[in-house]
C-alpha atoms as a PDB file:
ATOM      1  CA  MET A   1     -49.225 -69.821 -53.920  1.00  0.00           C
ATOM      2  CA  TRP A   2     -50.646 -67.207 -56.272  1.00  0.00           C
ATOM      3  CA  ALA A   3     -52.749 -65.713 -53.480  1.00  0.00           C
ATOM      4  CA  ILE A   4     -49.691 -65.501 -51.226  1.00  0.00           C
ATOM      5  CA  ASN A   5     -47.702 -63.688 -53.907  1.00  0.00           C
ATOM      6  CA  VAL A   6     -50.540 -61.235 -54.533  1.00  0.00           C
ATOM      7  CA  ASP A   7     -50.858 -60.536 -50.833  1.00  0.00           C
ATOM      8  CA  PHE A   8     -47.132 -59.952 -50.621  1.00  0.00           C
ATOM      9  CA  LEU A   9     -47.167 -57.582 -53.591  1.00  0.00           C
ATOM     10  CA  VAL A  10     -50.124 -55.631 -52.262  1.00  0.00           C
ATOM     11  CA  ALA A  11     -48.456 -55.294 -48.869  1.00  0.00           C
ATOM     12  CA  ASP A  12     -45.133 -54.252 -50.417  1.00  0.00           C
ATOM     13  CA  LEU A  13     -46.525 -51.913 -53.076  1.00  0.00           C
ATOM     14  CA  PRO A  14     -46.588 -48.766 -50.886  1.00  0.00           C
ATOM     15  CA  LYS A  15     -42.905 -49.279 -50.038  1.00  0.00           C
ATOM     16  CA  VAL A  16     -42.009 -49.738 -53.713  1.00  0.00           C
ATOM     17  CA  LEU A  17     -43.940 -46.623 -54.727  1.00  0.00           C
ATOM     18  CA  ASN A  18     -42.349 -44.624 -51.941  1.00  0.00           C
ATOM     19  CA  SER A  19     -38.873 -45.745 -53.011  1.00  0.00           C
ATOM     20  CA  MET A  20     -39.648 -44.749 -56.595  1.00  0.00           C
ATOM     21  CA  SER A  21     -40.887 -41.365 -55.421  1.00  0.00           C
ATOM     22  CA  VAL A  22     -37.773 -40.742 -53.327  1.00  0.00           C
ATOM     23  CA  GLY A  23     -35.548 -41.839 -56.211  1.00  0.00           C
ATOM     24  CA  ALA A  24     -37.340 -39.543 -58.644  1.00  0.00           C
ATOM     25  CA  GLU A  25     -37.029 -36.639 -56.216  1.00  0.00           C
ATOM     26  CA  ARG A  26     -33.294 -37.226 -55.809  1.00  0.00           C
ATOM     27  CA  ILE A  27     -32.833 -37.309 -59.582  1.00  0.00           C
ATOM     28  CA  ARG A  28     -34.811 -34.082 -59.907  1.00  0.00           C
ATOM     29  CA  ASP A  29     -32.662 -32.389 -57.238  1.00  0.00           C
ATOM     30  CA  LEU A  30     -29.496 -33.564 -58.957  1.00  0.00           C
ATOM     31  CA  VAL A  31     -30.648 -32.301 -62.353  1.00  0.00           C
ATOM     32  CA  VAL A  32     -31.575 -28.908 -60.872  1.00  0.00           C
ATOM     33  CA  SER A  33     -28.214 -28.699 -59.115  1.00  0.00           C
ATOM     34  CA  LEU A  34     -26.305 -29.600 -62.265  1.00  0.00           C
ATOM     35  CA  ARG A  35     -28.274 -27.000 -64.188  1.00  0.00           C
ATOM     36  CA  ASN A  36     -27.445 -24.353 -61.611  1.00  0.00           C
ATOM     37  CA  PHE A  37     -23.828 -25.410 -61.544  1.00  0.00           C
ATOM     38  CA  SER A  38     -23.599 -25.513 -65.344  1.00  0.00           C
ATOM     39  CA  ARG A  39     -23.213 -21.750 -65.239  1.00  0.00           C
ATOM     40  CA  VAL A  40     -19.536 -22.655 -65.291  1.00  0.00           C
ATOM     41  CA  ASP A  41     -19.524 -21.854 -69.018  1.00  0.00           C
ATOM     42  CA  GLU A  42     -21.079 -18.427 -68.489  1.00  0.00           C
ATOM     43  CA  SER A  43     -18.660 -15.549 -68.144  1.00  0.00           C
ATOM     44  CA  GLU A  44     -21.010 -12.617 -67.697  1.00  0.00           C
ATOM     45  CA  ILE A  45     -22.076 -11.094 -64.406  1.00  0.00           C
ATOM     46  CA  LYS A  46     -25.630 -11.899 -63.303  1.00  0.00           C
ATOM     47  CA  PRO A  47     -27.781 -12.104 -60.150  1.00  0.00           C
ATOM     48  CA  LEU A  48     -27.201 -15.129 -57.926  1.00  0.00           C
ATOM     49  CA  ASP A  49     -29.106 -16.595 -54.997  1.00  0.00           C
ATOM     50  CA  ILE A  50     -26.227 -17.493 -52.667  1.00  0.00           C
ATOM     51  CA  HIS A  51     -28.274 -20.015 -50.692  1.00  0.00           C
ATOM     52  CA  GLN A  52     -29.454 -21.795 -53.827  1.00  0.00           C
ATOM     53  CA  SER A  53     -25.853 -21.963 -55.011  1.00  0.00           C
ATOM     54  CA  ILE A  54     -24.667 -23.467 -51.719  1.00  0.00           C
ATOM     55  CA  ASP A  55     -27.545 -25.963 -51.623  1.00  0.00           C
ATOM     56  CA  SER A  56     -26.790 -27.074 -55.179  1.00  0.00           C
ATOM     57  CA  THR A  57     -23.139 -27.538 -54.209  1.00  0.00           C
ATOM     58  CA  LEU A  58     -24.137 -29.702 -51.247  1.00  0.00           C
ATOM     59  CA  ILE A  59     -26.252 -31.933 -53.462  1.00  0.00           C
ATOM     60  CA  LEU A  60     -23.404 -32.394 -55.934  1.00  0.00           C
ATOM     61  CA  LEU A  61     -21.071 -33.259 -53.033  1.00  0.00           C
ATOM     62  CA  GLN A  62     -23.391 -35.983 -51.710  1.00  0.00           C
ATOM     63  CA  PRO A  63     -21.173 -38.829 -53.034  1.00  0.00           C
ATOM     64  CA  GLN A  64     -18.156 -37.359 -51.219  1.00  0.00           C
ATOM     65  CA  PHE A  65     -20.176 -36.983 -48.020  1.00  0.00           C
ATOM     66  CA  LYS A  66     -21.458 -40.536 -48.228  1.00  0.00           C
ATOM     67  CA  GLU A  67     -18.037 -42.029 -48.948  1.00  0.00           C
ATOM     68  CA  LYS A  68     -16.184 -40.214 -46.167  1.00  0.00           C
ATOM     69  CA  LEU A  69     -18.630 -39.043 -43.519  1.00  0.00           C
ATOM     70  CA  GLY A  70     -22.089 -40.504 -44.067  1.00  0.00           C
ATOM     71  CA  SER A  71     -25.270 -38.553 -44.693  1.00  0.00           C
ATOM     72  CA  ALA A  72     -24.823 -34.806 -45.171  1.00  0.00           C
ATOM     73  CA  LYS A  73     -28.176 -34.348 -43.451  1.00  0.00           C
ATOM     74  CA  ASN A  74     -26.566 -35.198 -40.114  1.00  0.00           C
ATOM     75  CA  LEU A  75     -23.415 -33.151 -40.699  1.00  0.00           C
ATOM     76  CA  ILE A  76     -24.493 -29.856 -42.216  1.00  0.00           C
ATOM     77  CA  VAL A  77     -25.792 -26.989 -40.091  1.00  0.00           C
ATOM     78  CA  LYS A  78     -27.189 -24.035 -42.048  1.00  0.00           C
ATOM     79  CA  ASN A  79     -27.456 -20.635 -40.428  1.00  0.00           C
ATOM     80  CA  TYR A  80     -28.904 -18.711 -43.351  1.00  0.00           C
ATOM     81  CA  SER A  81     -29.817 -15.040 -43.058  1.00  0.00           C
ATOM     82  CA  ASP A  82     -32.068 -13.122 -45.413  1.00  0.00           C
ATOM     83  CA  LEU A  83     -29.642 -12.243 -48.203  1.00  0.00           C
ATOM     84  CA  PRO A  84     -30.302 -10.152 -51.311  1.00  0.00           C
ATOM     85  CA  LEU A  85     -29.452 -11.503 -54.739  1.00  0.00           C
ATOM     86  CA  ILE A  86     -25.774 -10.961 -55.482  1.00  0.00           C
ATOM     87  CA  THR A  87     -24.715  -9.552 -58.844  1.00  0.00           C
ATOM     88  CA  CYS A  88     -21.579 -11.553 -59.541  1.00  0.00           C
ATOM     89  CA  TYR A  89     -19.806 -14.137 -61.670  1.00  0.00           C
ATOM     90  CA  ALA A  90     -22.092 -16.987 -60.635  1.00  0.00           C
ATOM     91  CA  SER A  91     -19.990 -19.818 -62.038  1.00  0.00           C
ATOM     92  CA  GLN A  92     -16.875 -18.709 -60.228  1.00  0.00           C
ATOM     93  CA  LEU A  93     -18.661 -18.441 -56.880  1.00  0.00           C
ATOM     94  CA  ASN A  94     -20.065 -21.938 -57.409  1.00  0.00           C
ATOM     95  CA  GLN A  95     -16.487 -23.124 -57.838  1.00  0.00           C
ATOM     96  CA  VAL A  96     -15.426 -21.401 -54.612  1.00  0.00           C
ATOM     97  CA  PHE A  97     -18.203 -23.080 -52.617  1.00  0.00           C
ATOM     98  CA  MET A  98     -17.321 -26.447 -54.142  1.00  0.00           C
ATOM     99  CA  ASN A  99     -13.648 -26.052 -53.213  1.00  0.00           C
ATOM    100  CA  ILE A 100     -14.192 -24.855 -49.654  1.00  0.00           C
ATOM    101  CA  ILE A 101     -16.972 -27.264 -48.673  1.00  0.00           C
ATOM    102  CA  GLY A 102     -15.089 -30.139 -50.319  1.00  0.00           C
ATOM    103  CA  ASN A 103     -12.027 -29.245 -48.243  1.00  0.00           C
ATOM    104  CA  ALA A 104     -14.166 -29.125 -45.100  1.00  0.00           C
ATOM    105  CA  ILE A 105     -15.363 -32.677 -45.786  1.00  0.00           C
ATOM    106  CA  ASP A 106     -11.756 -33.843 -46.172  1.00  0.00           C
ATOM    107  CA  ALA A 107     -10.653 -32.024 -43.000  1.00  0.00           C
ATOM    108  CA  VAL A 108     -13.342 -33.688 -40.871  1.00  0.00           C
ATOM    109  CA  TYR A 109     -12.644 -37.067 -42.449  1.00  0.00           C
ATOM    110  CA  GLU A 110      -8.887 -36.840 -41.898  1.00  0.00           C
ATOM    111  CA  HIS A 111      -9.395 -35.718 -38.301  1.00  0.00           C
ATOM    112  CA  ARG A 112     -11.655 -38.683 -37.625  1.00  0.00           C
ATOM    113  CA  LEU A 113      -8.967 -41.048 -38.916  1.00  0.00           C
ATOM    114  CA  THR A 114      -6.592 -39.853 -36.179  1.00  0.00           C
ATOM    115  CA  LEU A 115      -9.038 -40.639 -33.351  1.00  0.00           C
ATOM    116  CA  SER A 116      -9.038 -43.746 -31.206  1.00  0.00           C
ATOM    117  CA  ALA A 117     -11.841 -46.251 -31.628  1.00  0.00           C
ATOM    118  CA  ALA A 118     -13.532 -44.935 -28.490  1.00  0.00           C
ATOM    119  CA  ALA A 119     -13.200 -41.313 -29.595  1.00  0.00           C
ATOM    120  CA  LYS A 120     -14.627 -42.131 -33.010  1.00  0.00           C
ATOM    121  CA  GLU A 121     -17.768 -43.458 -31.340  1.00  0.00           C
ATOM    122  CA  ILE A 122     -18.563 -40.095 -29.758  1.00  0.00           C
ATOM    123  CA  PHE A 123     -17.178 -37.787 -32.458  1.00  0.00           C
ATOM    124  CA  THR A 124     -19.751 -36.065 -34.640  1.00  0.00           C
ATOM    125  CA  GLY A 125     -18.462 -34.269 -37.690  1.00  0.00           C
ATOM    126  CA  LYS A 126     -19.996 -30.871 -38.334  1.00  0.00           C
ATOM    127  CA  ILE A 127     -19.823 -28.360 -41.147  1.00  0.00           C
ATOM    128  CA  ILE A 128     -21.555 -25.100 -40.293  1.00  0.00           C
ATOM    129  CA  ILE A 129     -22.484 -22.766 -43.154  1.00  0.00           C
ATOM    130  CA  SER A 130     -23.544 -19.271 -42.127  1.00  0.00           C
ATOM    131  CA  THR A 131     -24.555 -16.228 -44.137  1.00  0.00           C
ATOM    132  CA  SER A 132     -25.154 -12.668 -43.002  1.00  0.00           C
ATOM    133  CA  VAL A 133     -25.548  -9.115 -44.265  1.00  0.00           C
ATOM    134  CA  ILE A 134     -22.610  -6.912 -43.306  1.00  0.00           C
ATOM    135  CA  SER A 135     -23.998  -3.704 -44.729  1.00  0.00           C
ATOM    136  CA  ARG A 136     -26.150  -2.468 -47.566  1.00  0.00           C
ATOM    137  CA  ASP A 137     -23.372  -3.304 -50.027  1.00  0.00           C
ATOM    138  CA  TRP A 138     -21.653  -6.360 -48.516  1.00  0.00           C
ATOM    139  CA  VAL A 139     -22.513  -9.903 -47.426  1.00  0.00           C
ATOM    140  CA  ARG A 140     -20.594 -12.583 -45.542  1.00  0.00           C
ATOM    141  CA  ILE A 141     -20.458 -16.371 -46.068  1.00  0.00           C
ATOM    142  CA  CYS A 142     -18.725 -18.574 -43.509  1.00  0.00           C
ATOM    143  CA  VAL A 143     -17.894 -22.282 -43.748  1.00  0.00           C
ATOM    144  CA  LYS A 144     -16.680 -23.807 -40.482  1.00  0.00           C
ATOM    145  CA  ASP A 145     -15.703 -27.413 -39.754  1.00  0.00           C
ATOM    146  CA  ASN A 146     -14.647 -29.298 -36.643  1.00  0.00           C
ATOM    147  CA  GLY A 147     -11.815 -31.079 -38.412  1.00  0.00           C
ATOM    148  CA  LYS A 148      -8.145 -31.328 -37.568  1.00  0.00           C
ATOM    149  CA  GLY A 149      -7.363 -27.608 -37.932  1.00  0.00           C
ATOM    150  CA  MET A 150      -4.071 -26.082 -39.066  1.00  0.00           C
ATOM    151  CA  THR A 151      -0.910 -24.641 -37.601  1.00  0.00           C
ATOM    152  CA  THR A 152      -0.169 -20.927 -38.047  1.00  0.00           C
ATOM    153  CA  GLU A 153       2.451 -21.751 -40.680  1.00  0.00           C
ATOM    154  CA  MET A 154      -0.013 -23.861 -42.688  1.00  0.00           C
ATOM    155  CA  LYS A 155      -2.766 -21.258 -42.349  1.00  0.00           C
ATOM    156  CA  ASN A 156      -0.454 -18.501 -43.625  1.00  0.00           C
ATOM    157  CA  ARG A 157       0.292 -20.505 -46.764  1.00  0.00           C
ATOM    158  CA  ILE A 158      -3.159 -21.916 -47.438  1.00  0.00           C
ATOM    159  CA  PHE A 159      -3.866 -19.665 -50.450  1.00  0.00           C
ATOM    160  CA  GLU A 160      -0.494 -20.265 -52.108  1.00  0.00           C
ATOM    161  CA  PRO A 161      -0.601 -22.130 -55.457  1.00  0.00           C
ATOM    162  CA  PHE A 162       0.270 -25.834 -55.094  1.00  0.00           C
ATOM    163  CA  PHE A 163       0.368 -25.717 -51.293  1.00  0.00           C
ATOM    164  CA  THR A 164      -1.768 -28.450 -49.761  1.00  0.00           C
ATOM    165  CA  THR A 165      -2.372 -29.873 -46.295  1.00  0.00           C
ATOM    166  CA  LYS A 166      -3.555 -33.180 -47.741  1.00  0.00           C
ATOM    167  CA  PRO A 167      -1.484 -36.375 -47.889  1.00  0.00           C
ATOM    168  CA  VAL A 168       0.934 -36.862 -50.778  1.00  0.00           C
ATOM    169  CA  GLY A 169      -0.944 -37.781 -53.938  1.00  0.00           C
ATOM    170  CA  GLU A 170      -4.207 -36.187 -52.809  1.00  0.00           C
ATOM    171  CA  GLY A 171      -5.237 -32.740 -53.932  1.00  0.00           C
ATOM    172  CA  THR A 172      -3.552 -30.373 -56.365  1.00  0.00           C
ATOM    173  CA  GLY A 173      -3.016 -27.439 -54.041  1.00  0.00           C
ATOM    174  CA  LEU A 174      -4.876 -25.201 -56.487  1.00  0.00           C
ATOM    175  CA  GLY A 175      -8.453 -25.147 -55.175  1.00  0.00           C
ATOM    176  CA  LEU A 176      -7.982 -22.516 -52.462  1.00  0.00           C
ATOM    177  CA  SER A 177      -5.547 -20.492 -54.563  1.00  0.00           C
ATOM    178  CA  ILE A 178      -8.130 -20.294 -57.339  1.00  0.00           C
ATOM    179  CA  SER A 179     -10.834 -19.461 -54.786  1.00  0.00           C
ATOM    180  CA  TYR A 180      -8.702 -16.589 -53.497  1.00  0.00           C
ATOM    181  CA  GLN A 181      -8.264 -15.206 -57.008  1.00  0.00           C
ATOM    182  CA  ILE A 182     -11.993 -15.449 -57.670  1.00  0.00           C
ATOM    183  CA  ILE A 183     -13.021 -13.692 -54.463  1.00  0.00           C
ATOM    184  CA  VAL A 184     -10.297 -11.044 -54.264  1.00  0.00           C
ATOM    185  CA  ASN A 185      -9.409 -10.299 -57.892  1.00  0.00           C
ATOM    186  CA  GLN A 186     -12.669 -10.944 -59.728  1.00  0.00           C
ATOM    187  CA  HIS A 187     -15.152  -9.851 -57.069  1.00  0.00           C
ATOM    188  CA  ARG A 188     -13.045  -7.343 -55.097  1.00  0.00           C
ATOM    189  CA  GLY A 189     -13.959  -9.233 -51.957  1.00  0.00           C
ATOM    190  CA  LYS A 190     -12.080 -10.750 -49.038  1.00  0.00           C
ATOM    191  CA  ILE A 191     -11.426 -14.310 -47.904  1.00  0.00           C
ATOM    192  CA  ASP A 192      -9.809 -15.223 -44.596  1.00  0.00           C
ATOM    193  CA  CYS A 193      -8.897 -18.498 -42.938  1.00  0.00           C
ATOM    194  CA  LEU A 194      -9.254 -18.950 -39.150  1.00  0.00           C
ATOM    195  CA  SER A 195      -7.819 -22.143 -37.721  1.00  0.00           C
ATOM    196  CA  GLN A 196      -5.937 -23.791 -34.855  1.00  0.00           C
ATOM    197  CA  PRO A 197      -4.705 -27.370 -34.499  1.00  0.00           C
ATOM    198  CA  GLY A 198      -7.488 -29.538 -33.148  1.00  0.00           C
ATOM    199  CA  MET A 199      -9.979 -26.655 -33.257  1.00  0.00           C
ATOM    200  CA  GLY A 200     -11.246 -26.917 -36.822  1.00  0.00           C
ATOM    201  CA  THR A 201     -11.102 -24.362 -39.625  1.00  0.00           C
ATOM    202  CA  GLU A 202     -13.348 -21.530 -40.740  1.00  0.00           C
ATOM    203  CA  PHE A 203     -13.275 -19.744 -44.080  1.00  0.00           C
ATOM    204  CA  VAL A 204     -14.845 -16.292 -44.035  1.00  0.00           C
ATOM    205  CA  ILE A 205     -15.829 -14.774 -47.377  1.00  0.00           C
ATOM    206  CA  GLN A 206     -16.958 -11.181 -47.799  1.00  0.00           C
ATOM    207  CA  ILE A 207     -18.190  -9.960 -51.159  1.00  0.00           C
ATOM    208  CA  PRO A 208     -20.001  -6.871 -52.426  1.00  0.00           C
ATOM    209  CA  THR A 209     -23.636  -7.284 -53.386  1.00  0.00           C
ATOM    210  CA  ASP A 210     -22.933  -5.817 -56.830  1.00  0.00           C
ATOM    211  CA  CYS A 211     -19.602  -6.793 -58.326  1.00  0.00           C
ATOM    212  CA  SER A 212     -20.413  -5.126 -61.658  1.00  0.00           C
ATOM    213  CA  GLN A 213     -19.488  -1.741 -60.182  1.00  0.00           C
ATOM    214  CA  TYR A 214     -15.853  -2.852 -60.072  1.00  0.00           C
ATOM    215  CA  ASP A 215     -15.598  -3.814 -63.750  1.00  0.00           C
END
């Protein structure tokens, strides 16, 4: 009996060690992401790696992905360009990415709920995050989903305080309003919403590479 147990442990040991390694790596990623996101208490302008900020946001949203859509690995498409560091209010931009990507998760999830059983089998949720350089002084960040989309009336009100497209009791209607204030008022940038019913939604953010010049 003892020999059998030893053999079993020896055979299973690599799997156990691998699981421990994966678990430790996930904890490390979470700690790094929380540290990056903890800039929420910092008010001063400083350089920010946009891609690192987005990646940290995605890690922190893993529980929401898992609960509603499954693994983010199968849902997220990254089209990252070579961006410079952005001099900005890092904590506020982190909040914007959290709000917009979180809404994209909800939009895909809610769209999937409306599908028939057969349609659900072939539907693959996607959230596409793209970055690009517009000019020497401006960059663009786009977050596009293949969720339920919005009517023109809804799209025109999406940045209004307390307006929400979510079911009653879900959402405060403040996330996108706050995001608008952060991008437009604090960073002198632009944020637009492109959407049609059944065609998904895309948020397009444009910000200057150095927001300190507008202080």
